[in-house]
């Protein structure tokens, strides 16, 4: 390989690593949002009592 090809290959590897890191971070944020939503909604519903129509 020439020096230019080596440089291009290193740049591609760096870009791939950055993309993988970004994707992992976005997945972490998505999991945290889903967990927060489930917890918040669960807490909201736990305090809710549905009035009975038949009583």
PDB file of N, CA and C in Angstrom:
ATOM      1  N   UNK A   1       0.834  -1.187   0.000  1.00  0.00           N
ATOM      2  CA  UNK A   1       0.000   0.000   0.000  1.00  0.00           C
ATOM      3  C   UNK A   1       0.876   1.248   0.000  1.00  0.00           C
ATOM      4  N   UNK A   2       0.357   2.249  -0.602  1.00  0.00           N
ATOM      5  CA  UNK A   2       1.077   3.513  -0.599  1.00  0.00           C
ATOM      6  C   UNK A   2       0.733   4.260   0.683  1.00  0.00           C
ATOM      7  N   UNK A   3       1.460   5.316   0.917  1.00  0.00           N
ATOM      8  CA  UNK A   3       1.212   6.128   2.115  1.00  0.00           C
ATOM      9  C   UNK A   3      -0.190   6.729   2.090  1.00  0.00           C
ATOM     10  N   UNK A   4      -0.630   7.148   0.920  1.00  0.00           N
ATOM     11  CA  UNK A   4      -1.965   7.739   0.801  1.00  0.00           C
ATOM     12  C   UNK A   4      -3.041   6.685   1.083  1.00  0.00           C
ATOM     13  N   UNK A   5      -2.873   5.481   0.589  1.00  0.00           N
ATOM     14  CA  UNK A   5      -3.837   4.413   0.848  1.00  0.00           C
ATOM     15  C   UNK A   5      -3.891   4.073   2.330  1.00  0.00           C
ATOM     16  N   UNK A   6      -2.715   4.079   2.993  1.00  0.00           N
ATOM     17  CA  UNK A   6      -2.676   3.836   4.433  1.00  0.00           C
ATOM     18  C   UNK A   6      -3.456   4.906   5.192  1.00  0.00           C
ATOM     19  N   UNK A   7      -3.234   6.146   4.799  1.00  0.00           N
ATOM     20  CA  UNK A   7      -3.921   7.261   5.462  1.00  0.00           C
ATOM     21  C   UNK A   7      -5.428   7.144   5.284  1.00  0.00           C
ATOM     22  N   UNK A   8      -5.865   6.831   4.068  1.00  0.00           N
ATOM     23  CA  UNK A   8      -7.293   6.684   3.784  1.00  0.00           C
ATOM     24  C   UNK A   8      -7.872   5.530   4.596  1.00  0.00           C
ATOM     25  N   UNK A   9      -7.138   4.440   4.697  1.00  0.00           N
ATOM     26  CA  UNK A   9      -7.605   3.285   5.467  1.00  0.00           C
ATOM     27  C   UNK A   9      -7.732   3.645   6.940  1.00  0.00           C
ATOM     28  N   UNK A  10      -6.768   4.385   7.485  1.00  0.00           N
ATOM     29  CA  UNK A  10      -6.840   4.806   8.891  1.00  0.00           C
ATOM     30  C   UNK A  10      -8.025   5.739   9.115  1.00  0.00           C
ATOM     31  N   UNK A  11      -8.245   6.654   8.184  1.00  0.00           N
ATOM     32  CA  UNK A  11      -9.379   7.577   8.311  1.00  0.00           C
ATOM     33  C   UNK A  11     -10.701   6.815   8.284  1.00  0.00           C
ATOM     34  N   UNK A  12     -10.805   5.821   7.407  1.00  0.00           N
ATOM     35  CA  UNK A  12     -12.030   5.016   7.339  1.00  0.00           C
ATOM     36  C   UNK A  12     -12.256   4.262   8.648  1.00  0.00           C
ATOM     37  N   UNK A  13     -11.177   3.728   9.221  1.00  0.00           N
ATOM     38  CA  UNK A  13     -11.288   3.017  10.499  1.00  0.00           C
ATOM     39  C   UNK A  13     -11.739   3.962  11.604  1.00  0.00           C
ATOM     40  N   UNK A  14     -11.197   5.179  11.603  1.00  0.00           N
ATOM     41  CA  UNK A  14     -11.576   6.162  12.610  1.00  0.00           C
ATOM     42  C   UNK A  14     -13.054   6.540  12.461  1.00  0.00           C
ATOM     43  N   UNK A  15     -13.480   6.736  11.235  1.00  0.00           N
ATOM     44  CA  UNK A  15     -14.887   7.084  10.985  1.00  0.00           C
ATOM     45  C   UNK A  15     -15.795   5.939  11.432  1.00  0.00           C
ATOM     46  N   UNK A  16     -15.425   4.716  11.103  1.00  0.00           N
ATOM     47  CA  UNK A  16     -16.225   3.558  11.511  1.00  0.00           C
ATOM     48  C   UNK A  16     -16.306   3.471  13.031  1.00  0.00           C
ATOM     49  N   UNK A  17     -15.212   3.746  13.716  1.00  0.00           N
ATOM     50  CA  UNK A  17     -15.205   3.710  15.184  1.00  0.00           C
ATOM     51  C   UNK A  17     -16.097   4.809  15.751  1.00  0.00           C
ATOM     52  N   UNK A  18     -16.041   5.986  15.163  1.00  0.00           N
ATOM     53  CA  UNK A  18     -16.889   7.094  15.640  1.00  0.00           C
ATOM     54  C   UNK A  18     -18.369   6.792  15.407  1.00  0.00           C
ATOM     55  N   UNK A  19     -18.683   6.226  14.254  1.00  0.00           N
ATOM     56  CA  UNK A  19     -20.074   5.872  13.957  1.00  0.00           C
ATOM     57  C   UNK A  19     -20.568   4.820  14.945  1.00  0.00           C
ATOM     58  N   UNK A  20     -19.740   3.819  15.232  1.00  0.00           N
ATOM     59  CA  UNK A  20     -20.124   2.773  16.180  1.00  0.00           C
ATOM     60  C   UNK A  20     -20.339   3.360  17.571  1.00  0.00           C
ATOM     61  N   UNK A  21     -19.475   4.268  17.970  1.00  0.00           N
ATOM     62  CA  UNK A  21     -19.613   4.914  19.274  1.00  0.00           C
ATOM     63  C   UNK A  21     -20.896   5.742  19.336  1.00  0.00           C
ATOM     64  N   UNK A  22     -21.170   6.486  18.283  1.00  0.00           N
ATOM     65  CA  UNK A  22     -22.384   7.299  18.229  1.00  0.00           C
ATOM     66  C   UNK A  22     -23.627   6.417  18.302  1.00  0.00           C
ATOM     67  N   UNK A  23     -23.621   5.326  17.553  1.00  0.00           N
ATOM     68  CA  UNK A  23     -24.759   4.415  17.550  1.00  0.00           C
ATOM     69  C   UNK A  23     -24.975   3.827  18.941  1.00  0.00           C
ATOM     70  N   UNK A  24     -23.906   3.434  19.616  1.00  0.00           N
ATOM     71  CA  UNK A  24     -24.018   2.876  20.960  1.00  0.00           C
ATOM     72  C   UNK A  24     -24.588   3.914  21.928  1.00  0.00           C
ATOM     73  N   UNK A  25     -24.158   5.155  21.788  1.00  0.00           N
ATOM     74  CA  UNK A  25     -24.664   6.220  22.651  1.00  0.00           C
ATOM     75  C   UNK A  25     -26.150   6.455  22.406  1.00  0.00           C
ATOM     76  N   UNK A  26     -26.551   6.459  21.150  1.00  0.00           N
ATOM     77  CA  UNK A  26     -27.963   6.665  20.826  1.00  0.00           C
ATOM     78  C   UNK A  26     -28.816   5.518  21.364  1.00  0.00           C
ATOM     79  N   UNK A  27     -28.321   4.288  21.289  1.00  0.00           N
ATOM     80  CA  UNK A  27     -29.056   3.147  21.824  1.00  0.00           C
ATOM     81  C   UNK A  27     -29.178   3.246  23.342  1.00  0.00           C
ATOM     82  N   UNK A  28     -28.125   3.710  23.994  1.00  0.00           N
ATOM     83  CA  UNK A  28     -28.161   3.902  25.448  1.00  0.00           C
ATOM     84  C   UNK A  28     -29.224   4.937  25.810  1.00  0.00           C
ATOM     85  N   UNK A  29     -29.249   6.054  25.084  1.00  0.00           N
ATOM     86  CA  UNK A  29     -30.249   7.091  25.338  1.00  0.00           C
ATOM     87  C   UNK A  29     -31.663   6.554  25.119  1.00  0.00           C
ATOM     88  N   UNK A  30     -31.859   5.758  24.090  1.00  0.00           N
ATOM     89  CA  UNK A  30     -33.181   5.188  23.811  1.00  0.00           C
ATOM     90  C   UNK A  30     -33.612   4.275  24.954  1.00  0.00           C
ATOM     91  N   UNK A  31     -32.696   3.427  25.444  1.00  0.00           N
ATOM     92  CA  UNK A  31     -33.024   2.549  26.574  1.00  0.00           C
ATOM     93  C   UNK A  31     -33.385   3.365  27.808  1.00  0.00           C
ATOM     94  N   UNK A  32     -32.615   4.433  28.071  1.00  0.00           N
ATOM     95  CA  UNK A  32     -32.892   5.276  29.235  1.00  0.00           C
ATOM     96  C   UNK A  32     -34.239   5.976  29.110  1.00  0.00           C
ATOM     97  N   UNK A  33     -34.574   6.448  27.906  1.00  0.00           N
ATOM     98  CA  UNK A  33     -35.882   7.097  27.695  1.00  0.00           C
ATOM     99  C   UNK A  33     -37.013   6.112  27.928  1.00  0.00           C
ATOM    100  N   UNK A  34     -36.871   4.896  27.383  1.00  0.00           N
ATOM    101  CA  UNK A  34     -37.912   3.887  27.559  1.00  0.00           C
ATOM    102  C   UNK A  34     -38.075   3.514  29.025  1.00  0.00           C
ATOM    103  N   UNK A  35     -36.967   3.387  29.738  1.00  0.00           N
ATOM    104  CA  UNK A  35     -37.026   3.060  31.166  1.00  0.00           C
ATOM    105  C   UNK A  35     -37.697   4.187  31.950  1.00  0.00           C
ATOM    106  N   UNK A  36     -37.343   5.418  31.639  1.00  0.00           N
ATOM    107  CA  UNK A  36     -37.944   6.576  32.308  1.00  0.00           C
ATOM    108  C   UNK A  36     -39.449   6.619  32.032  1.00  0.00           C
ATOM    109  N   UNK A  37     -39.819   6.422  30.791  1.00  0.00           N
ATOM    110  CA  UNK A  37     -41.234   6.437  30.421  1.00  0.00           C
ATOM    111  C   UNK A  37     -42.002   5.360  31.175  1.00  0.00           C
ATOM    112  N   UNK A  38     -41.463   4.138  31.178  1.00  0.00           N
ATOM    113  CA  UNK A  38     -42.146   3.030  31.846  1.00  0.00           C
ATOM    114  C   UNK A  38     -42.276   3.305  33.343  1.00  0.00           C
ATOM    115  N   UNK A  39     -41.235   3.824  33.954  1.00  0.00           N
ATOM    116  CA  UNK A  39     -41.269   4.118  35.386  1.00  0.00           C
ATOM    117  C   UNK A  39     -42.270   5.228  35.681  1.00  0.00           C
ATOM    118  N   UNK A  40     -42.210   6.293  34.909  1.00  0.00           N
ATOM    119  CA  UNK A  40     -43.090   7.435  35.138  1.00  0.00           C
ATOM    120  C   UNK A  40     -44.549   7.044  34.921  1.00  0.00           C
ATOM    121  N   UNK A  41     -44.817   6.339  33.839  1.00  0.00           N
ATOM    122  CA  UNK A  41     -46.186   5.922  33.564  1.00  0.00           C
ATOM    123  C   UNK A  41     -46.665   4.925  34.617  1.00  0.00           C
ATOM    124  N   UNK A  42     -45.793   4.033  35.026  1.00  0.00           N
ATOM    125  CA  UNK A  42     -46.152   3.075  36.069  1.00  0.00           C
ATOM    126  C   UNK A  42     -46.506   3.769  37.366  1.00  0.00           C
ATOM    127  N   UNK A  43     -45.730   4.777  37.733  1.00  0.00           N
ATOM    128  CA  UNK A  43     -46.030   5.526  38.957  1.00  0.00           C
ATOM    129  C   UNK A  43     -47.343   6.286  38.827  1.00  0.00           C
ATOM    130  N   UNK A  44     -47.608   6.832  37.664  1.00  0.00           N
ATOM    131  CA  UNK A  44     -48.849   7.573  37.464  1.00  0.00           C
ATOM    132  C   UNK A  44     -50.052   6.641  37.570  1.00  0.00           C
ATOM    133  N   UNK A  45     -49.969   5.465  36.960  1.00  0.00           N
ATOM    134  CA  UNK A  45     -51.083   4.532  36.990  1.00  0.00           C
ATOM    135  C   UNK A  45     -51.264   3.895  38.367  1.00  0.00           C
ATOM    136  N   UNK A  46     -50.198   3.772  39.139  1.00  0.00           N
ATOM    137  CA  UNK A  46     -50.321   3.128  40.446  1.00  0.00           C
ATOM    138  C   UNK A  46     -51.166   3.967  41.398  1.00  0.00           C
ATOM    139  N   UNK A  47     -51.233   5.264  41.192  1.00  0.00           N
ATOM    140  CA  UNK A  47     -52.032   6.129  42.049  1.00  0.00           C
ATOM    141  C   UNK A  47     -53.435   6.346  41.523  1.00  0.00           C
ATOM    142  N   UNK A  48     -53.760   5.758  40.424  1.00  0.00           N
ATOM    143  CA  UNK A  48     -55.058   5.955  39.778  1.00  0.00           C
ATOM    144  C   UNK A  48     -56.003   4.816  40.137  1.00  0.00           C
ATOM    145  N   UNK A  49     -57.171   5.161  40.592  1.00  0.00           N
ATOM    146  CA  UNK A  49     -58.186   4.135  40.855  1.00  0.00           C
ATOM    147  C   UNK A  49     -59.370   4.433  39.943  1.00  0.00           C
ATOM    148  N   UNK A  50     -59.770   3.433  39.224  1.00  0.00           N
ATOM    149  CA  UNK A  50     -60.870   3.576  38.289  1.00  0.00           C
ATOM    150  C   UNK A  50     -62.192   3.457  39.065  1.00  0.00           C
ATOM    151  N   UNK A  51     -63.086   4.405  38.934  1.00  0.00           N
ATOM    152  CA  UNK A  51     -64.377   4.303  39.631  1.00  0.00           C
ATOM    153  C   UNK A  51     -65.199   3.153  39.025  1.00  0.00           C
ATOM    154  N   UNK A  52     -65.830   2.430  39.893  1.00  0.00           N
ATOM    155  CA  UNK A  52     -66.634   1.315  39.437  1.00  0.00           C
ATOM    156  C   UNK A  52     -68.028   1.811  39.051  1.00  0.00           C
ATOM    157  N   UNK A  53     -68.466   1.440  37.885  1.00  0.00           N
ATOM    158  CA  UNK A  53     -69.772   1.849  37.386  1.00  0.00           C
ATOM    159  C   UNK A  53     -70.876   1.071  38.082  1.00  0.00           C
ATOM    160  N   UNK A  54     -70.584  -0.161  38.482  1.00  0.00           N
ATOM    161  CA  UNK A  54     -71.604  -1.061  39.007  1.00  0.00           C
ATOM    162  C   UNK A  54     -71.804  -0.935  40.508  1.00  0.00           C
ATOM    163  N   UNK A  55     -71.019  -0.160  41.181  1.00  0.00           N
ATOM    164  CA  UNK A  55     -71.192  -0.065  42.639  1.00  0.00           C
ATOM    165  C   UNK A  55     -72.019   1.088  43.035  1.00  0.00           C
TER     166      UNK A  55
END
